[in-house]
Protein backbone atom coordinates (compact mmCIF):
# COMPACT_ATOMS: atom_id res chain seq x y z
CA UNK A 1 -20.10 -30.53 12.94
CA UNK A 2 -17.40 -28.55 14.83
CA UNK A 3 -19.09 -29.39 18.15
CA UNK A 4 -21.28 -32.36 19.06
CA UNK A 5 -22.69 -32.13 22.61
CA UNK A 6 -23.57 -35.09 24.82
CA UNK A 7 -27.11 -34.96 26.12
CA UNK A 8 -28.10 -36.18 29.59
CA UNK A 9 -29.55 -39.27 27.88
CA UNK A 10 -26.27 -39.90 26.07
CA UNK A 11 -24.33 -39.69 29.31
CA UNK A 12 -26.76 -41.92 31.17
CA UNK A 13 -26.48 -44.57 28.48
CA UNK A 14 -22.66 -44.48 28.69
CA UNK A 15 -22.66 -44.66 32.51
CA UNK A 16 -25.08 -47.60 32.43
CA UNK A 17 -22.93 -49.52 29.95
CA UNK A 18 -19.91 -48.96 32.25
CA UNK A 19 -21.84 -49.86 35.41
CA UNK A 20 -21.17 -46.52 37.20
CA UNK A 21 -23.56 -43.91 38.69
CA UNK A 22 -21.78 -40.84 37.37
CA UNK A 23 -18.43 -39.54 36.12
CA UNK A 24 -16.95 -39.21 39.63
CA UNK A 25 -16.69 -43.03 39.90
CA UNK A 26 -14.33 -43.05 36.95
CA UNK A 27 -11.77 -41.17 39.05
CA UNK A 28 -12.00 -43.13 42.33
CA UNK A 29 -8.52 -44.50 41.90
CA UNK A 30 -7.06 -40.98 42.28
CA UNK A 31 -6.02 -40.28 45.95
CA UNK A 32 -8.13 -37.67 47.75
CA UNK A 33 -4.97 -35.77 48.74
CA UNK A 34 -4.34 -34.68 45.14
CA UNK A 35 -7.91 -33.96 44.15
CA UNK A 36 -8.99 -30.32 43.84
CA UNK A 37 -12.16 -30.91 45.88
CA UNK A 38 -13.74 -27.64 44.82
CA UNK A 39 -15.45 -26.24 41.78
CA UNK A 40 -13.26 -24.74 39.04
CA UNK A 41 -13.04 -20.95 39.18
CA UNK A 42 -14.48 -20.41 35.71
CA UNK A 43 -17.00 -17.91 34.34
CA UNK A 44 -20.45 -19.14 33.44
CA UNK A 45 -21.34 -20.64 30.06
CA UNK A 46 -21.74 -18.51 26.95
CA UNK A 47 -24.04 -19.03 24.03
CA UNK A 48 -22.49 -19.27 20.54
CA UNK A 49 -22.89 -15.59 19.73
CA UNK A 50 -21.32 -14.48 23.04
CA UNK A 51 -18.53 -17.04 22.72
CA UNK A 52 -17.63 -15.85 19.23
CA UNK A 53 -17.51 -12.25 20.42
CA UNK A 54 -15.32 -13.26 23.37
CA UNK A 55 -12.92 -15.20 21.15
CA UNK A 56 -12.65 -12.35 18.63
CA UNK A 57 -11.99 -9.89 21.44
CA UNK A 58 -9.28 -12.08 22.90
CA UNK A 59 -7.66 -12.51 19.49
CA UNK A 60 -7.23 -8.74 19.12
CA UNK A 61 -4.92 -8.76 22.14
CA UNK A 62 -2.34 -10.90 20.25
CA UNK A 63 0.19 -9.53 17.76
CA UNK A 64 -0.25 -11.30 14.43
CA UNK A 65 1.40 -10.95 11.04
CA UNK A 66 -1.74 -9.52 9.43
CA UNK A 67 -1.73 -6.42 11.59
CA UNK A 68 1.96 -6.19 12.52
CA UNK A 69 4.93 -5.77 10.16
CA UNK A 70 7.55 -8.42 10.92
CA UNK A 71 11.32 -7.93 10.76
CA UNK A 72 12.03 -10.94 12.96
CA UNK A 73 13.56 -14.07 11.45
CA UNK A 74 16.26 -16.19 13.14
CA UNK A 75 14.95 -19.49 11.78
CA UNK A 76 11.23 -18.75 11.34
CA UNK A 77 10.36 -16.54 8.39
CA UNK A 78 7.39 -14.52 7.16
CA UNK A 79 7.29 -15.42 3.46
CA UNK A 80 4.30 -15.14 1.17
CA UNK A 81 2.36 -18.43 0.81
CA UNK A 82 0.56 -18.89 -2.52
CA UNK A 83 -3.14 -19.84 -2.30
CA UNK A 84 -2.36 -23.14 -4.07
CA UNK A 85 -0.72 -24.42 -0.85
CA UNK A 86 -3.82 -24.23 1.37
CA UNK A 87 -6.01 -25.40 -1.51
CA UNK A 88 -4.16 -28.75 -1.52
CA UNK A 89 -3.17 -29.15 2.13
CA UNK A 90 -6.75 -28.28 3.13
CA UNK A 91 -8.12 -31.34 1.36
CA UNK A 92 -9.37 -33.90 3.90
CA UNK A 93 -7.73 -36.85 2.17
CA UNK A 94 -4.36 -35.29 3.02
CA UNK A 95 -4.89 -33.61 6.38
CA UNK A 96 -6.67 -36.66 7.93
CA UNK A 97 -4.51 -39.38 6.40
CA UNK A 98 -2.42 -41.64 8.60
CA UNK A 99 0.97 -43.21 7.93
CA UNK A 100 0.85 -44.79 4.46
CA UNK A 101 1.69 -48.33 5.57
CA UNK A 102 -0.78 -49.85 3.09
CA UNK A 103 0.59 -48.58 -0.18
CA UNK A 104 -2.33 -49.87 -2.23
CA UNK A 105 -4.68 -47.37 -0.54
CA UNK A 106 -2.11 -44.57 0.05
CA UNK A 107 -0.98 -43.73 -3.48
CA UNK A 108 -1.86 -40.03 -3.21
CA UNK A 109 0.15 -39.50 -0.01
CA UNK A 110 3.05 -41.64 -1.26
CA UNK A 111 3.23 -39.80 -4.57
CA UNK A 112 3.24 -36.41 -2.82
CA UNK A 113 6.13 -37.56 -0.59
CA UNK A 114 8.00 -38.93 -3.61
CA UNK A 115 7.58 -35.57 -5.35
CA UNK A 116 8.80 -33.84 -2.20
CA UNK A 117 11.95 -35.98 -2.14
CA UNK A 118 12.54 -35.24 -5.83
CA UNK A 119 12.17 -31.49 -5.35
CA UNK A 120 14.55 -31.46 -2.39
CA UNK A 121 17.14 -33.31 -4.47
CA UNK A 122 16.69 -30.74 -7.26
CA UNK A 123 16.97 -27.89 -4.76
CA UNK A 124 20.11 -29.16 -3.05
CA UNK A 125 21.74 -31.01 -5.97
CA UNK A 126 22.07 -34.09 -3.74
CA UNK A 127 21.32 -37.64 -4.90
CA UNK A 128 18.87 -38.81 -2.19
CA UNK A 129 16.42 -37.07 0.11
CA UNK A 130 14.27 -38.63 2.79
CA UNK A 131 10.56 -38.08 3.49
CA UNK A 132 11.36 -35.20 5.92
CA UNK A 133 12.32 -34.92 9.56
CA UNK A 134 10.65 -33.18 12.53
CA UNK A 135 12.46 -29.85 12.08
CA UNK A 136 15.79 -28.32 11.17
CA UNK A 137 17.26 -28.89 14.64
CA UNK A 138 16.58 -32.64 14.74
CA UNK A 139 17.63 -32.97 11.11
CA UNK A 140 21.08 -31.58 11.96
CA UNK A 141 21.41 -33.75 15.10
CA UNK A 142 20.34 -36.80 13.09
CA UNK A 143 22.93 -35.94 10.43
CA UNK A 144 25.62 -35.96 13.10
CA UNK A 145 24.36 -39.31 14.44
CA UNK A 146 24.35 -40.63 10.88
CA UNK A 147 27.96 -39.43 10.34
CA UNK A 148 29.04 -41.26 13.52
CA UNK A 149 27.45 -44.47 12.23
CA UNK A 150 29.13 -44.14 8.82
CA UNK A 151 32.62 -43.25 10.06
CA UNK A 152 32.72 -45.07 13.37
CA UNK A 153 34.00 -41.88 14.97
CA UNK A 154 32.55 -40.29 18.10
CA UNK A 155 33.26 -36.53 17.85
CA UNK A 156 31.21 -33.84 16.14
CA UNK A 157 32.54 -30.37 15.34
CA UNK A 158 29.99 -27.58 14.86
CA UNK A 159 30.40 -23.85 14.39
CA UNK A 160 28.92 -21.49 16.98
CA UNK A 161 27.47 -19.59 14.03
CA UNK A 162 24.96 -22.42 13.70
CA UNK A 163 21.47 -21.72 15.14
CA UNK A 164 21.73 -21.94 18.98
CA UNK A 165 18.64 -24.19 19.20
CA UNK A 166 20.16 -26.59 16.69
CA UNK A 167 23.36 -26.78 18.76
CA UNK A 168 21.36 -27.45 21.91
CA UNK A 169 19.63 -30.34 20.15
CA UNK A 170 23.00 -31.67 19.03
CA UNK A 171 24.16 -31.52 22.67
CA UNK A 172 21.23 -33.68 23.73
CA UNK A 173 21.90 -36.21 20.97
CA UNK A 174 25.63 -36.26 21.82
CA UNK A 175 24.89 -36.91 25.47
CA UNK A 176 22.43 -39.66 24.70
CA UNK A 177 24.66 -41.41 22.15
CA UNK A 178 27.95 -41.09 23.98
CA UNK A 179 29.45 -38.73 21.41
CA UNK A 180 31.47 -35.58 22.04
CA UNK A 181 30.31 -32.23 20.65
CA UNK A 182 32.89 -29.48 20.05
CA UNK A 183 31.72 -25.94 19.30
CA UNK A 184 34.17 -23.67 17.43
CA UNK A 185 34.34 -19.88 17.70
CA UNK A 186 32.99 -17.12 15.54
CA UNK A 187 35.12 -14.35 14.03
CA UNK A 188 32.88 -11.38 13.47
CA UNK A 189 29.74 -13.17 12.35
CA UNK A 190 31.43 -15.97 10.41
CA UNK A 191 32.98 -19.25 11.45
CA UNK A 192 36.59 -18.87 12.57
CA UNK A 193 38.21 -21.26 10.11
CA UNK A 194 41.56 -21.44 11.94
CA UNK A 195 39.77 -22.43 15.17
CA UNK A 196 37.61 -24.90 13.25
CA UNK A 197 40.64 -26.57 11.66
CA UNK A 198 42.40 -26.92 15.01
CA UNK A 199 39.64 -29.23 16.24
CA UNK A 200 39.23 -31.39 13.12
CA UNK A 201 41.20 -34.58 13.70
CA UNK A 202 40.92 -38.21 12.64
CA UNK A 203 38.48 -38.70 15.57
CA UNK A 204 35.87 -36.31 14.11
CA UNK A 205 32.84 -37.88 12.40
CA UNK A 206 31.52 -34.67 10.90
CA UNK A 207 32.05 -30.94 10.54
CA UNK A 208 28.77 -28.99 10.54
CA UNK A 209 28.28 -25.39 9.41
CA UNK A 210 25.24 -23.33 8.48
CA UNK A 211 25.10 -21.02 5.48
CA UNK A 212 23.68 -18.45 5.54
CA UNK A 213 24.41 -18.90 9.24
CA UNK A 214 22.32 -17.86 12.23
CA UNK A 215 23.80 -14.35 12.03
CA UNK A 216 22.90 -14.06 8.35
CA UNK A 217 26.39 -14.42 6.90
CA UNK A 218 27.19 -16.60 3.88
CA UNK A 219 30.02 -18.89 4.93
CA UNK A 220 33.15 -19.84 2.92
CA UNK A 221 31.98 -23.35 2.28
CA UNK A 222 34.80 -24.30 -0.10
CA UNK A 223 37.35 -23.80 2.71
CA UNK A 224 35.25 -25.68 5.28
CA UNK A 225 34.89 -28.60 2.85
CA UNK A 226 38.68 -28.88 2.48
CA UNK A 227 39.15 -28.81 6.26
CA UNK A 228 36.53 -31.53 6.81
CA UNK A 229 37.57 -33.95 4.09
CA UNK A 230 41.29 -33.60 4.76
CA UNK A 231 40.81 -35.65 7.94
CA UNK A 232 38.22 -38.03 6.45
CA UNK A 233 35.35 -36.34 8.32
CA UNK A 234 31.95 -35.96 6.67
CA UNK A 235 30.93 -32.46 5.62
CA UNK A 236 27.43 -31.40 6.79
CA UNK A 237 25.83 -28.23 5.51
CA UNK A 238 22.77 -26.70 7.15
CA UNK A 239 21.07 -24.61 4.43
CA UNK A 240 18.22 -22.14 4.17
CA UNK A 241 15.98 -23.23 1.27
CA UNK A 242 14.90 -19.83 -0.06
CA UNK A 243 18.54 -18.71 -0.31
CA UNK A 244 19.23 -21.56 -2.72
CA UNK A 245 17.26 -19.54 -5.29
CA UNK A 246 20.45 -17.51 -5.72
CA UNK A 247 23.23 -19.36 -3.90
CA UNK A 248 25.09 -22.48 -5.04
CA UNK A 249 23.49 -25.70 -3.70
CA UNK A 250 25.23 -27.92 -1.09
CA UNK A 251 26.20 -30.48 -3.71
CA UNK A 252 28.40 -27.91 -5.41
CA UNK A 253 30.49 -27.81 -2.21
CA UNK A 254 30.81 -31.61 -2.10
CA UNK A 255 28.57 -31.87 0.97
CA UNK A 256 28.11 -35.44 2.24
CA UNK A 257 24.86 -34.61 4.05
CA UNK A 258 22.81 -31.45 3.97
CA UNK A 259 19.92 -30.47 6.21
CA UNK A 260 17.65 -27.48 6.67
CA UNK A 261 14.46 -26.05 8.06
CA UNK A 262 11.67 -26.09 5.44
CA UNK A 263 9.26 -23.66 7.14
CA UNK A 264 10.08 -21.01 4.53
CA UNK A 265 8.54 -23.24 1.87
CA UNK A 266 4.84 -22.45 2.23
CA UNK A 267 4.41 -23.06 5.98
CA UNK A 268 3.02 -20.40 8.30
CA UNK A 269 5.27 -19.25 11.19
CA UNK A 270 2.64 -20.65 13.59
CA UNK A 271 4.18 -19.27 16.82
CA UNK A 272 7.22 -21.46 16.20
CA UNK A 273 5.77 -24.66 14.83
CA UNK A 274 5.07 -27.22 13.58
CA UNK A 275 8.12 -27.21 11.35
CA UNK A 276 9.68 -29.32 8.57
CA UNK A 277 13.11 -30.92 8.68
CA UNK A 278 14.91 -31.35 5.34
CA UNK A 279 17.61 -33.94 4.79
CA UNK A 280 19.53 -35.11 1.71
CA UNK A 281 22.78 -36.99 1.20
CA UNK A 282 25.06 -38.75 -1.24
CA UNK A 283 23.61 -42.02 -2.53
CA UNK A 284 26.38 -44.08 -0.93
CA UNK A 285 25.06 -43.15 2.52
CA UNK A 286 21.36 -43.87 1.84
CA UNK A 287 21.23 -46.97 4.07
CA UNK A 288 22.37 -44.96 7.09
CA UNK A 289 19.80 -42.22 6.47
CA UNK A 290 17.20 -41.93 9.25
CA UNK A 291 13.47 -41.86 8.84
CA UNK A 292 11.76 -43.19 5.74
CA UNK A 293 11.97 -42.94 1.97
CA UNK A 294 9.29 -43.40 -0.67
CA UNK A 295 10.27 -45.25 -3.83
CA UNK A 296 8.73 -45.49 -7.28
CA UNK A 297 7.95 -48.91 -8.70
CA UNK A 298 5.34 -50.57 -10.91
CA UNK A 299 2.31 -52.67 -10.02
CA UNK A 300 1.31 -56.05 -11.41
CA UNK A 301 -0.09 -54.36 -14.53
CA UNK A 302 3.04 -52.34 -15.15
CA UNK A 303 1.58 -49.01 -13.97
CA UNK A 304 3.81 -46.62 -12.03
CA UNK A 305 3.12 -46.74 -8.31
CA UNK A 306 4.75 -45.78 -5.04
CA UNK A 307 5.68 -47.55 -1.83
CA UNK A 308 7.62 -47.02 1.40
CA UNK A 309 11.12 -48.40 1.13
CA UNK A 310 14.37 -48.41 3.19
CA UNK A 311 12.50 -47.94 6.45
CA UNK A 312 15.59 -48.26 8.67
CA UNK A 313 13.77 -47.61 11.93
CA UNK A 314 12.97 -49.49 15.10
CA UNK A 315 9.38 -50.34 14.15
CA UNK A 316 10.49 -52.26 11.08
CA UNK A 317 13.88 -53.84 11.87
CA UNK A 318 15.78 -54.94 14.96
CA UNK A 319 16.52 -52.06 17.31
CA UNK A 320 20.29 -52.51 17.11
CA UNK A 321 20.15 -52.14 13.34
CA UNK A 322 17.92 -49.04 13.30
CA UNK A 323 19.54 -45.78 12.13
CA UNK A 324 17.40 -43.68 14.46
CA UNK A 325 14.34 -43.66 16.70
CA UNK A 326 12.72 -41.05 14.45
CA UNK A 327 9.50 -42.82 13.63
CA UNK A 328 7.53 -40.47 11.43
CA UNK A 329 7.78 -37.43 9.18
CA UNK A 330 6.04 -34.07 8.84
CA UNK A 331 4.00 -35.29 5.86
CA UNK A 332 1.45 -32.48 5.71
CA UNK A 333 4.15 -29.81 5.96
CA UNK A 334 6.18 -31.69 3.37
CA UNK A 335 3.12 -31.55 1.10
CA UNK A 336 2.93 -27.77 1.66
CA UNK A 337 6.62 -27.44 0.68
CA UNK A 338 5.97 -29.61 -2.40
CA UNK A 339 3.08 -27.42 -3.56
CA UNK A 340 5.03 -24.25 -2.82
CA UNK A 341 8.07 -25.35 -4.85
CA UNK A 342 5.92 -26.67 -7.67
CA UNK A 343 3.97 -23.41 -7.79
CA UNK A 344 7.03 -21.16 -7.89
CA UNK A 345 9.29 -23.31 -10.03
CA UNK A 346 12.96 -22.57 -10.60
CA UNK A 347 12.46 -18.98 -11.81
CA UNK A 348 9.90 -18.18 -9.11
CA UNK A 349 12.23 -19.32 -6.35
CA UNK A 350 15.03 -17.28 -7.85
CA UNK A 351 12.74 -14.23 -7.95
CA UNK A 352 11.73 -14.62 -4.30
CA UNK A 353 15.35 -14.98 -3.17
CA UNK A 354 16.42 -11.99 -5.27
CA UNK A 355 13.64 -9.84 -3.79
CA UNK A 356 14.80 -10.82 -0.29
CA UNK A 357 18.36 -9.92 -1.22
CA UNK A 358 17.53 -6.54 -2.74
CA UNK A 359 15.12 -5.49 0.00
CA UNK A 360 17.40 -6.61 2.82
CA UNK A 361 20.29 -4.63 1.38
CA UNK A 362 18.05 -1.59 0.89
CA UNK A 363 17.07 -1.79 4.55
CA UNK A 364 20.64 -2.35 5.76
CA UNK A 365 21.88 0.67 3.78
CA UNK A 366 19.14 2.90 5.11
CA UNK A 367 19.63 1.83 8.75
CA UNK A 368 23.39 2.19 8.52
CA UNK A 369 22.99 5.92 7.78
CA UNK A 370 21.02 6.56 10.99
CA UNK A 371 22.78 8.12 14.01
CA UNK A 372 23.09 5.51 16.76
CA UNK A 373 22.90 2.54 14.42
CA UNK A 374 25.56 0.68 12.44
CA UNK A 375 25.75 -2.40 10.20
CA UNK A 376 29.18 -3.36 11.46
CA UNK A 377 30.04 -6.51 9.53
CA UNK A 378 30.89 -6.70 5.84
CA UNK A 379 29.89 -10.35 5.33
CA UNK A 380 27.69 -11.26 2.39
CA UNK A 381 24.03 -11.82 3.36
CA UNK A 382 20.74 -12.69 1.73
CA UNK A 383 17.82 -11.66 3.95
CA UNK A 384 19.22 -11.22 7.52
CA UNK A 385 21.85 -8.80 8.79
CA UNK A 386 23.22 -7.59 12.14
CA UNK A 387 22.67 -4.02 13.37
CA UNK A 388 24.60 -2.48 16.28
CA UNK A 389 22.37 -0.27 18.43
CA UNK A 390 23.40 2.37 20.99
CA UNK A 391 20.26 1.69 23.03
CA UNK A 392 19.33 -1.71 24.51
CA UNK A 393 17.61 -3.83 21.85
CA UNK A 394 14.75 -4.70 24.18
CA UNK A 395 13.87 -1.01 24.65
CA UNK A 396 13.94 -0.44 20.90
CA UNK A 397 11.69 -3.43 20.24
CA UNK A 398 9.16 -2.25 22.85
CA UNK A 399 8.85 1.07 21.02
CA UNK A 400 8.60 -0.64 17.67
CA UNK A 401 5.77 -2.86 18.95
CA UNK A 402 3.82 0.26 19.95
CA UNK A 403 4.00 1.19 16.23
CA UNK A 404 2.82 -2.34 15.21
CA UNK A 405 6.33 -3.32 14.04
CA UNK A 406 7.99 -6.56 15.24
CA UNK A 407 11.68 -5.74 15.49
CA UNK A 408 14.74 -7.97 15.13
CA UNK A 409 16.21 -10.52 17.49
CA UNK A 410 18.25 -9.42 20.48
CA UNK A 411 21.52 -11.30 19.80
CA UNK A 412 22.83 -10.60 23.28
CA UNK A 413 20.58 -13.44 24.53
CA UNK A 414 22.72 -15.93 22.60
CA UNK A 415 26.15 -14.30 22.10
CA UNK A 416 27.66 -12.25 24.95
CA UNK A 417 29.94 -10.31 22.58
CA UNK A 418 26.93 -9.28 20.50
CA UNK A 419 25.01 -7.57 23.28
CA UNK A 420 23.45 -4.44 21.84
CA UNK A 421 23.14 -6.04 18.43
CA UNK A 422 19.90 -6.81 16.62
CA UNK A 423 19.37 -9.46 13.89
CA UNK A 424 17.00 -7.93 11.29
CA UNK A 425 15.22 -10.00 8.66
CA UNK A 426 13.67 -8.66 5.46
CA UNK A 427 11.70 -11.06 3.23
CA UNK A 428 10.03 -10.50 -0.14
CA UNK A 429 6.79 -9.59 1.69
CA UNK A 430 8.16 -6.36 3.07
CA UNK A 431 7.27 -3.34 0.98
CA UNK A 432 9.37 -0.23 0.49
CA UNK A 433 6.82 1.65 2.63
CA UNK A 434 7.17 -0.87 5.49
CA UNK A 435 10.97 -0.71 5.39
CA UNK A 436 10.91 3.05 5.30
CA UNK A 437 8.52 3.04 8.29
CA UNK A 438 10.97 0.86 10.25
CA UNK A 439 13.83 3.24 9.41
CA UNK A 440 11.73 6.25 10.42
CA UNK A 441 10.78 4.66 13.75
CA UNK A 442 14.44 3.80 14.47
CA UNK A 443 15.42 7.40 13.65
CA UNK A 444 12.86 8.68 16.13
């Protein structure tokens, strides 16, 4: 049942077993000075019919992606989710399961995680993937921490074209671990390679870039790789998984560690969470990888089975030997990503990425022809691009919302030199009619 009430008799029985008169005695240890000492200012109770009507009425006051057309991305994306995803993730044996410590009764969960790791390796071209991280931001910060452990160096270099929230998370990790974080400048909307190279010394543990970056641009990863490895630093790539349907994978650029946000892979935007951190690396670094890995083995009868292995975390080994204090993974979201990738397959993922590419370029071309708007940068992009606006972006977005259109991100909030610029995202879900409606609204 969704709701099981306690009757007066139920409550009386509980109070008697605790030896108290009523619920107030349970809170006697709280000082009077901080008690509210008045009734809560709440409306009276509703019956089920009234409550349902109230909830439905309240829901209509929120903008949702069923009734609004979304051109907002910046790390959270509105992609189509096949029905196979919810059909599997909605099964109670998955959504109620706990950490699979007892492998003999957790084979379903363990196999799904093993399949997830395999798919992430196929997607990125890397040799080893873990059982997922909390989100893309912590995955990148953990990669930097991992690089410091591998190299014994205490400096991290990251491009300012990396997602601002990811960089803020790296700052927190750097402060807590005694490392130094250096942020390099952006030229246009791409990493300034000359500035990047000036900071990469023999003290740098890793060089981290994102491609496509936060501003939508595809970075020159071959050049960044040469800069990083010339000084013996590890090369960390932050990738966007859908884009790998048409772009070269991180392994082709000799990445040592790659990370990403997996929300695009069958997970609803959900007002910003929960998310799914992706991490993969070269096999030689597997023992410094944070989190957990699932391995395939055989049981006493020779049948294939699965178990947790290489659990290099505080709960399993001495704290000083732990790679991280990350103690779990986003298993249900990892399952969603697994089902999504298995449903689409290689050709399906390529098709989704190609649709994003074609539709985004169609939108960029149409917007660039409008008076008062410009697509000022010539960088290659997949599904996000920057638009310069003559009016304040906030004003434009308010008007778009009145037409049930969620506009792009105001980049001036994160980059002072990009005030008056909007980051527009176009996924495969956007129809020609929706894109044309956006263009028409901007023209008006």
